[in-house]
């Protein structure tokens, strides 16, 4: 067999996890190479992969990837001590509804408050899940970091053992380091072109710009994996990938406070007549093992142009302030904590105006209509962390074995679009 030179475009969780699965596949030879190219001078996981909540759930979507990814997350954590290395653990997951308190004077920012859209993370729970909630169940005994007197309803969203978490930045960088131990190479560069041989209609390499020197370099490749998230359509314009900007903050409570392991999907109503009282707020709150708490809001409803590289993503301070006001309104522990990070990222979403039924699910597989040995892995929306192992396992099988055996993901094929 010929020596394989595999280039992965994108150093996020999909690209780095794919590098891990390729280099750990039994059919990967010593002469084979894997190169990960990321358009950031700061290394891997600088985009959505490093700024996500890190939720891993059996109730996520699409099920074809979840059914592979969830058990793979469990296996990876057991094999590589994920508990210590990337914060793997099972968590309680609940839907919280109640009232929020105005904790201090709020400077109204209409751009942050009135034009937001849902990221639809609960779609995988199926229609009617809200109707199945049990009212007035009360808070779990160990969920002591939200005010009970403000709580109207709390309901578990999934059975025990169906929801877990990782620290997304640590998971992504761990996958890269484990792949590098098996010979993978990491390059900081902005890919401008996927080169295709006219005679064979197969990929022949990629051309990228070195972010430090500005020099253009072309490297040969027998296989190319495009996993550049929201930037994938800049490299392959036929992909219907749209970037939705979303904001988040991280909070460290005071050292005397212990935050129990819960993920909350909230619905908070603030007093009418106040800047926050125009409509219910729905931040998501993720308690992490190191007592850090991650909080994210909804996505931008208006068009925020995608910058040239992930290092140029702009943060709207008003959006971050709004998230803090929301979560501080239901938790004294979070209100008195320290906000460490205010950040934004672009979630890669599949959207097609001509046929909306084709949108939603990610794009995973070979784009044979464009070129032989060109593989696409993008459009995972808010479930990229959860579905990275399933995506990577499927791609490693497709590239090294010629077919996918871990599951049936034909419905995610790039042939829908490219």
Protein backbone atom coordinates (compact mmCIF):
# COMPACT_ATOMS: atom_id res chain seq x y z
CA UNK A 1 0.00 0.00 0.00
CA UNK A 2 1.12 3.54 -0.68
CA UNK A 3 2.30 5.73 2.15
CA UNK A 4 -0.48 8.03 3.27
CA UNK A 5 0.13 11.72 3.90
CA UNK A 6 -2.98 12.97 5.69
CA UNK A 7 -3.51 16.69 6.22
CA UNK A 8 -6.19 17.87 8.64
CA UNK A 9 -7.34 21.48 8.23
CA UNK A 10 -8.45 22.74 11.62
CA UNK A 11 -6.97 22.35 15.09
CA UNK A 12 -10.27 22.26 16.96
CA UNK A 13 -11.79 19.27 18.68
CA UNK A 14 -12.84 17.55 15.44
CA UNK A 15 -9.42 17.93 13.81
CA UNK A 16 -7.36 16.99 16.88
CA UNK A 17 -9.56 14.02 17.77
CA UNK A 18 -9.39 12.81 14.17
CA UNK A 19 -5.60 12.98 14.37
CA UNK A 20 -5.75 10.85 17.52
CA UNK A 21 -7.99 8.18 15.96
CA UNK A 22 -5.92 8.03 12.78
CA UNK A 23 -2.60 7.62 14.58
CA UNK A 24 -4.07 5.00 16.93
CA UNK A 25 -5.78 2.96 14.21
CA UNK A 26 -4.28 -0.52 13.72
CA UNK A 27 -3.95 0.12 9.97
CA UNK A 28 -1.90 3.28 10.46
CA UNK A 29 1.66 2.52 9.34
CA UNK A 30 4.90 4.00 10.64
CA UNK A 31 5.48 5.53 7.23
CA UNK A 32 2.08 7.30 7.26
CA UNK A 33 1.96 10.93 8.35
CA UNK A 34 -0.69 13.19 9.88
CA UNK A 35 -0.35 16.98 9.84
CA UNK A 36 -2.83 19.27 11.63
CA UNK A 37 -2.90 22.86 10.34
CA UNK A 38 -4.59 25.48 12.52
CA UNK A 39 -5.09 29.17 11.68
CA UNK A 40 -4.06 30.50 15.09
CA UNK A 41 -0.73 31.65 16.46
CA UNK A 42 -1.82 30.46 19.90
CA UNK A 43 -2.10 26.74 19.15
CA UNK A 44 -5.05 24.35 19.12
CA UNK A 45 -8.58 24.84 20.48
CA UNK A 46 -8.68 28.62 20.13
CA UNK A 47 -12.18 28.71 18.64
CA UNK A 48 -15.43 27.05 19.70
CA UNK A 49 -13.54 23.97 20.90
CA UNK A 50 -11.83 25.93 23.64
CA UNK A 51 -14.79 28.10 24.58
CA UNK A 52 -17.59 25.54 24.77
CA UNK A 53 -19.37 24.16 27.80
CA UNK A 54 -18.14 20.61 27.29
CA UNK A 55 -21.46 18.78 27.52
CA UNK A 56 -21.51 15.09 26.55
CA UNK A 57 -25.00 13.61 26.40
CA UNK A 58 -26.80 10.50 25.23
CA UNK A 59 -29.75 12.75 24.37
CA UNK A 60 -27.74 14.91 21.95
CA UNK A 61 -28.12 14.76 18.16
CA UNK A 62 -27.74 13.39 15.56
CA UNK A 63 -28.23 9.96 17.10
CA UNK A 64 -26.07 8.28 14.45
CA UNK A 65 -23.04 10.10 15.87
CA UNK A 66 -24.11 10.16 19.51
CA UNK A 67 -24.45 6.37 19.59
CA UNK A 68 -20.78 6.08 18.65
CA UNK A 69 -19.45 9.12 20.47
CA UNK A 70 -20.82 8.61 23.98
CA UNK A 71 -19.29 5.16 24.59
CA UNK A 72 -16.06 6.39 22.98
CA UNK A 73 -15.92 9.27 25.46
CA UNK A 74 -16.26 6.73 28.27
CA UNK A 75 -13.53 4.54 26.76
CA UNK A 76 -11.11 7.43 26.18
CA UNK A 77 -11.56 8.65 29.75
CA UNK A 78 -10.84 5.18 31.13
CA UNK A 79 -7.82 4.65 28.87
CA UNK A 80 -6.14 8.03 29.37
CA UNK A 81 -7.27 9.03 32.87
CA UNK A 82 -9.71 11.58 31.53
CA UNK A 83 -10.93 12.38 35.04
CA UNK A 84 -7.62 14.02 35.86
CA UNK A 85 -6.50 14.97 32.38
CA UNK A 86 -9.60 16.68 30.97
CA UNK A 87 -12.19 16.79 33.76
CA UNK A 88 -14.34 13.86 32.65
CA UNK A 89 -17.25 13.10 34.96
CA UNK A 90 -20.96 12.33 34.93
CA UNK A 91 -23.19 15.21 36.03
CA UNK A 92 -26.78 15.90 36.95
CA UNK A 93 -28.67 17.77 34.26
CA UNK A 94 -31.85 19.65 34.95
CA UNK A 95 -34.28 22.24 33.68
CA UNK A 96 -34.68 25.13 36.14
CA UNK A 97 -37.45 27.71 35.96
CA UNK A 98 -37.91 30.58 38.34
CA UNK A 99 -37.51 34.23 39.16
CA UNK A 100 -34.38 36.31 38.93
CA UNK A 101 -33.29 39.15 41.18
CA UNK A 102 -31.89 42.45 39.95
CA UNK A 103 -28.58 42.45 41.78
CA UNK A 104 -27.31 45.91 40.87
CA UNK A 105 -27.93 48.80 38.51
CA UNK A 106 -27.97 47.49 34.98
CA UNK A 107 -26.76 49.54 32.03
CA UNK A 108 -29.15 48.60 29.28
CA UNK A 109 -27.53 47.23 26.13
CA UNK A 110 -30.27 46.56 23.53
CA UNK A 111 -27.80 44.78 21.24
CA UNK A 112 -27.11 42.23 23.94
CA UNK A 113 -30.64 41.74 25.23
CA UNK A 114 -33.27 42.14 22.53
CA UNK A 115 -31.85 40.35 19.50
CA UNK A 116 -30.74 36.87 20.53
CA UNK A 117 -31.65 33.46 19.22
CA UNK A 118 -31.73 29.99 20.70
CA UNK A 119 -28.91 27.56 19.93
CA UNK A 120 -31.49 24.72 20.08
CA UNK A 121 -29.33 22.48 22.22
CA UNK A 122 -32.37 20.60 23.57
CA UNK A 123 -33.60 19.44 20.14
CA UNK A 124 -32.23 15.95 20.84
CA UNK A 125 -34.68 15.50 23.71
CA UNK A 126 -37.52 15.30 21.19
CA UNK A 127 -40.73 17.23 20.83
CA UNK A 128 -42.80 17.66 23.94
CA UNK A 129 -40.01 17.20 26.47
CA UNK A 130 -41.05 20.38 28.21
CA UNK A 131 -44.57 18.99 28.63
CA UNK A 132 -43.13 15.91 30.32
CA UNK A 133 -41.49 17.92 33.07
CA UNK A 134 -42.75 17.43 36.60
CA UNK A 135 -43.79 20.69 38.20
CA UNK A 136 -42.72 21.74 41.67
CA UNK A 137 -40.35 18.86 42.19
CA UNK A 138 -38.01 21.02 44.26
CA UNK A 139 -34.25 21.26 43.98
CA UNK A 140 -32.05 18.20 44.54
CA UNK A 141 -30.61 18.23 48.05
CA UNK A 142 -27.05 18.82 46.85
CA UNK A 143 -27.92 21.55 44.34
CA UNK A 144 -27.21 24.29 46.83
CA UNK A 145 -25.86 27.06 44.59
CA UNK A 146 -29.17 28.38 43.26
CA UNK A 147 -31.72 30.07 45.46
CA UNK A 148 -34.51 27.70 46.45
CA UNK A 149 -36.91 30.56 47.19
CA UNK A 150 -36.57 31.75 43.57
CA UNK A 151 -37.22 28.28 42.15
CA UNK A 152 -40.61 27.57 40.61
CA UNK A 153 -39.87 24.21 38.97
CA UNK A 154 -36.91 21.90 38.62
CA UNK A 155 -36.93 18.71 36.56
CA UNK A 156 -34.18 16.25 35.61
CA UNK A 157 -33.74 16.30 31.85
CA UNK A 158 -32.18 12.84 31.52
CA UNK A 159 -31.63 9.72 33.66
CA UNK A 160 -28.48 9.35 35.73
CA UNK A 161 -25.52 8.32 33.59
CA UNK A 162 -26.90 9.95 30.44
CA UNK A 163 -25.11 13.30 30.82
CA UNK A 164 -21.40 13.91 31.35
CA UNK A 165 -18.87 16.63 30.73
CA UNK A 166 -15.30 17.34 29.73
CA UNK A 167 -13.24 20.50 29.87
CA UNK A 168 -13.25 21.15 26.09
CA UNK A 169 -9.90 22.93 25.88
CA UNK A 170 -8.15 20.22 27.91
CA UNK A 171 -9.82 17.43 25.97
CA UNK A 172 -8.87 18.94 22.60
CA UNK A 173 -5.27 19.64 23.52
CA UNK A 174 -4.96 16.18 25.11
CA UNK A 175 -6.13 14.54 21.89
CA UNK A 176 -3.52 16.55 19.99
CA UNK A 177 -0.73 15.67 22.43
CA UNK A 178 -1.63 11.98 22.33
CA UNK A 179 -1.62 12.12 18.51
CA UNK A 180 1.76 13.88 18.51
CA UNK A 181 3.14 11.08 20.69
CA UNK A 182 2.23 8.79 17.78
CA UNK A 183 3.96 11.02 15.22
CA UNK A 184 1.37 13.64 14.28
CA UNK A 185 2.63 17.14 13.44
CA UNK A 186 1.02 20.50 14.27
CA UNK A 187 1.45 23.61 12.07
CA UNK A 188 0.22 27.18 12.68
CA UNK A 189 -1.00 28.33 9.29
CA UNK A 190 -4.03 29.59 7.40
CA UNK A 191 -4.97 27.20 4.60
CA UNK A 192 -5.90 29.05 1.43
CA UNK A 193 -6.28 26.23 -1.09
CA UNK A 194 -6.91 22.51 -1.27
CA UNK A 195 -4.95 21.42 -4.31
CA UNK A 196 -6.55 18.92 -6.68
CA UNK A 197 -4.83 16.95 -9.42
CA UNK A 198 -6.67 17.60 -12.69
CA UNK A 199 -5.93 14.19 -14.17
CA UNK A 200 -7.01 12.01 -11.25
CA UNK A 201 -9.48 14.44 -9.63
CA UNK A 202 -7.87 13.53 -6.33
CA UNK A 203 -6.41 15.82 -3.68
CA UNK A 204 -2.69 16.43 -4.08
CA UNK A 205 -1.94 18.79 -1.18
CA UNK A 206 -2.78 22.08 0.51
CA UNK A 207 -1.34 25.56 0.39
CA UNK A 208 -1.21 27.62 3.56
CA UNK A 209 0.17 30.92 4.81
CA UNK A 210 2.50 30.75 7.78
CA UNK A 211 0.94 33.04 10.39
CA UNK A 212 4.29 34.13 11.80
CA UNK A 213 6.36 34.65 8.65
CA UNK A 214 3.62 35.34 6.11
CA UNK A 215 5.21 32.90 3.69
CA UNK A 216 3.10 30.62 1.52
CA UNK A 217 3.88 26.92 1.67
CA UNK A 218 2.47 23.97 -0.24
CA UNK A 219 2.65 20.47 1.21
CA UNK A 220 1.64 17.29 -0.56
CA UNK A 221 -1.18 15.10 0.69
CA UNK A 222 -2.85 11.87 -0.30
CA UNK A 223 -5.85 12.64 1.93
CA UNK A 224 -7.24 15.94 3.22
CA UNK A 225 -9.73 16.35 6.07
CA UNK A 226 -11.52 19.71 6.18
CA UNK A 227 -12.49 20.29 9.82
CA UNK A 228 -12.24 24.06 10.08
CA UNK A 229 -15.58 24.65 11.79
CA UNK A 230 -17.26 27.88 10.76
CA UNK A 231 -14.30 28.66 8.47
CA UNK A 232 -14.80 25.52 6.37
CA UNK A 233 -16.89 27.31 3.75
CA UNK A 234 -14.09 29.85 3.22
CA UNK A 235 -11.97 26.98 1.94
CA UNK A 236 -14.75 25.07 0.17
CA UNK A 237 -17.44 27.64 -0.77
CA UNK A 238 -19.98 24.99 -1.80
CA UNK A 239 -20.40 24.00 1.86
CA UNK A 240 -23.50 25.65 3.39
CA UNK A 241 -21.77 26.43 6.68
CA UNK A 242 -22.82 29.52 8.61
CA UNK A 243 -21.06 30.78 11.73
CA UNK A 244 -23.28 31.80 14.65
CA UNK A 245 -21.47 33.89 17.25
CA UNK A 246 -22.17 32.99 20.87
CA UNK A 247 -20.79 34.42 24.11
CA UNK A 248 -19.84 32.86 27.42
CA UNK A 249 -18.17 33.67 30.71
CA UNK A 250 -16.42 31.64 33.39
CA UNK A 251 -16.78 32.32 37.10
CA UNK A 252 -14.70 31.15 40.04
CA UNK A 253 -16.72 31.24 43.27
CA UNK A 254 -15.04 32.14 46.51
CA UNK A 255 -12.67 29.49 47.86
CA UNK A 256 -15.06 28.60 50.69
CA UNK A 257 -17.81 27.68 48.22
CA UNK A 258 -18.14 24.21 46.72
CA UNK A 259 -20.15 23.95 43.51
CA UNK A 260 -21.94 20.60 43.13
CA UNK A 261 -21.79 18.86 39.72
CA UNK A 262 -24.87 20.01 37.83
CA UNK A 263 -25.66 21.40 34.41
CA UNK A 264 -28.68 23.68 34.38
CA UNK A 265 -30.79 24.80 31.45
CA UNK A 266 -32.60 27.80 32.87
CA UNK A 267 -35.67 29.88 32.17
CA UNK A 268 -35.44 33.02 34.29
CA UNK A 269 -38.10 35.73 34.57
CA UNK A 270 -37.01 39.13 35.87
CA UNK A 271 -39.31 41.85 37.23
CA UNK A 272 -41.26 43.69 34.58
CA UNK A 273 -40.26 47.26 34.01
CA UNK A 274 -36.58 46.49 34.52
CA UNK A 275 -33.99 46.27 31.71
CA UNK A 276 -33.91 42.47 32.09
CA UNK A 277 -37.67 42.05 32.36
CA UNK A 278 -38.66 42.26 28.70
CA UNK A 279 -38.59 38.47 28.21
CA UNK A 280 -37.36 35.33 30.01
CA UNK A 281 -33.64 34.62 29.91
CA UNK A 282 -32.23 31.17 29.23
CA UNK A 283 -28.53 30.93 30.11
CA UNK A 284 -26.92 27.51 30.50
CA UNK A 285 -24.79 26.93 33.60
CA UNK A 286 -22.09 24.24 33.82
CA UNK A 287 -20.33 23.42 37.08
CA UNK A 288 -16.80 22.11 36.45
CA UNK A 289 -14.60 19.88 38.63
CA UNK A 290 -12.11 22.63 39.53
CA UNK A 291 -14.95 24.73 40.96
CA UNK A 292 -15.05 26.83 37.82
CA UNK A 293 -18.52 27.59 36.49
CA UNK A 294 -19.11 28.09 32.77
CA UNK A 295 -22.12 30.17 31.71
CA UNK A 296 -23.29 30.76 28.15
CA UNK A 297 -26.09 32.70 26.56
CA UNK A 298 -28.00 32.52 23.31
CA UNK A 299 -26.50 33.26 19.90
CA UNK A 300 -26.39 36.49 17.94
CA UNK A 301 -29.54 36.92 15.91
CA UNK A 302 -27.98 39.44 13.56
CA UNK A 303 -25.19 38.85 11.07
CA UNK A 304 -21.73 39.22 12.60
CA UNK A 305 -19.19 38.70 9.80
CA UNK A 306 -16.77 35.86 10.28
CA UNK A 307 -13.24 37.24 10.69
CA UNK A 308 -10.31 35.94 8.68
CA UNK A 309 -8.93 33.83 11.54
CA UNK A 310 -10.05 32.63 14.94
CA UNK A 311 -7.56 35.01 16.60
CA UNK A 312 -9.62 37.97 15.34
CA UNK A 313 -12.96 36.98 16.92
CA UNK A 314 -14.45 40.03 18.66
CA UNK A 315 -16.18 39.90 22.04
CA UNK A 316 -19.25 42.03 22.78
CA UNK A 317 -18.85 43.14 26.45
CA UNK A 318 -22.58 43.84 26.69
CA UNK A 319 -23.43 40.24 25.85
CA UNK A 320 -21.08 38.95 28.56
CA UNK A 321 -22.49 41.45 31.07
CA UNK A 322 -25.98 40.20 30.29
CA UNK A 323 -25.01 36.58 30.95
CA UNK A 324 -23.50 37.58 34.31
CA UNK A 325 -26.60 39.54 35.28
CA UNK A 326 -28.80 36.55 34.46
CA UNK A 327 -26.89 33.93 36.45
CA UNK A 328 -26.09 36.31 39.34
CA UNK A 329 -29.81 36.89 39.64
CA UNK A 330 -30.46 33.31 40.77
CA UNK A 331 -27.23 32.41 42.58
CA UNK A 332 -25.55 34.23 45.45
CA UNK A 333 -22.51 31.96 45.00
CA UNK A 334 -22.02 33.02 41.39
CA UNK A 335 -22.80 36.65 42.15
CA UNK A 336 -20.00 36.79 44.71
CA UNK A 337 -17.53 34.92 42.52
CA UNK A 338 -14.91 36.32 40.17
CA UNK A 339 -15.54 36.49 36.43
CA UNK A 340 -12.35 35.15 34.86
CA UNK A 341 -13.14 34.98 31.17
CA UNK A 342 -15.39 36.87 28.80
CA UNK A 343 -15.29 35.20 25.41
CA UNK A 344 -17.00 34.57 22.10
CA UNK A 345 -16.84 31.91 19.42
CA UNK A 346 -18.54 30.94 16.16
CA UNK A 347 -20.59 27.74 16.06
CA UNK A 348 -20.58 26.03 12.64
CA UNK A 349 -24.16 25.48 11.51
CA UNK A 350 -25.48 23.88 8.33
CA UNK A 351 -28.06 26.13 6.67
CA UNK A 352 -29.62 25.84 3.21
CA UNK A 353 -32.14 28.42 2.02
CA UNK A 354 -33.09 26.35 -1.03
CA UNK A 355 -34.00 23.24 0.99
CA UNK A 356 -34.24 23.75 4.77
CA UNK A 357 -34.80 20.01 5.27
CA UNK A 358 -31.14 19.44 4.40
CA UNK A 359 -29.89 21.66 7.22
CA UNK A 360 -29.23 21.00 10.86
CA UNK A 361 -27.13 17.84 10.93
CA UNK A 362 -23.34 18.04 10.53
CA UNK A 363 -21.49 17.10 7.35
CA UNK A 364 -19.24 14.06 7.73
CA UNK A 365 -17.74 11.92 4.98
CA UNK A 366 -15.93 11.99 1.64
CA UNK A 367 -16.72 14.84 -0.74
CA UNK A 368 -16.11 12.66 -3.78
CA UNK A 369 -18.06 15.01 -6.07
CA UNK A 370 -15.39 17.63 -5.41
CA UNK A 371 -12.31 15.44 -5.24
CA UNK A 372 -11.30 11.93 -4.32
CA UNK A 373 -9.84 11.62 -0.80
CA UNK A 374 -11.27 14.96 0.32
CA UNK A 375 -13.13 14.45 3.60
CA UNK A 376 -15.44 16.89 5.35
CA UNK A 377 -16.14 17.07 9.09
CA UNK A 378 -17.95 20.24 10.11
CA UNK A 379 -21.33 21.74 10.99
CA UNK A 380 -21.59 20.17 14.46
CA UNK A 381 -23.29 23.28 15.94
CA UNK A 382 -23.21 23.17 19.76
CA UNK A 383 -22.55 19.41 19.86
CA UNK A 384 -19.01 19.31 18.49
CA UNK A 385 -17.53 18.39 21.87
CA UNK A 386 -19.98 15.57 22.35
CA UNK A 387 -19.73 14.15 18.83
CA UNK A 388 -16.01 14.52 18.14
CA UNK A 389 -15.04 10.90 18.99
CA UNK A 390 -17.77 9.42 16.79
CA UNK A 391 -16.87 11.73 13.92
CA UNK A 392 -13.15 10.95 14.28
CA UNK A 393 -13.67 7.21 14.57
CA UNK A 394 -15.85 7.17 11.44
CA UNK A 395 -13.32 9.21 9.44
CA UNK A 396 -10.38 7.08 10.53
CA UNK A 397 -12.22 3.97 9.36
CA UNK A 398 -13.20 5.60 6.07
CA UNK A 399 -9.66 6.81 5.34
CA UNK A 400 -7.72 3.75 6.48
CA UNK A 401 -10.20 0.94 5.80
CA UNK A 402 -12.23 2.38 2.95
CA UNK A 403 -15.58 2.13 4.76
CA UNK A 404 -17.29 3.12 8.00
CA UNK A 405 -18.15 0.21 10.27
CA UNK A 406 -18.76 1.90 13.64
CA UNK A 407 -22.20 3.19 12.66
CA UNK A 408 -24.47 4.33 9.88
CA UNK A 409 -23.86 8.00 9.09
CA UNK A 410 -24.80 7.98 5.41
CA UNK A 411 -27.38 10.70 6.07
CA UNK A 412 -24.52 13.07 7.00
CA UNK A 413 -22.70 12.64 3.68
CA UNK A 414 -21.21 15.73 1.97
CA UNK A 415 -22.92 14.58 -1.23
CA UNK A 416 -25.98 16.44 0.06
CA UNK A 417 -24.19 19.69 -0.74
CA UNK A 418 -20.72 19.38 -2.25
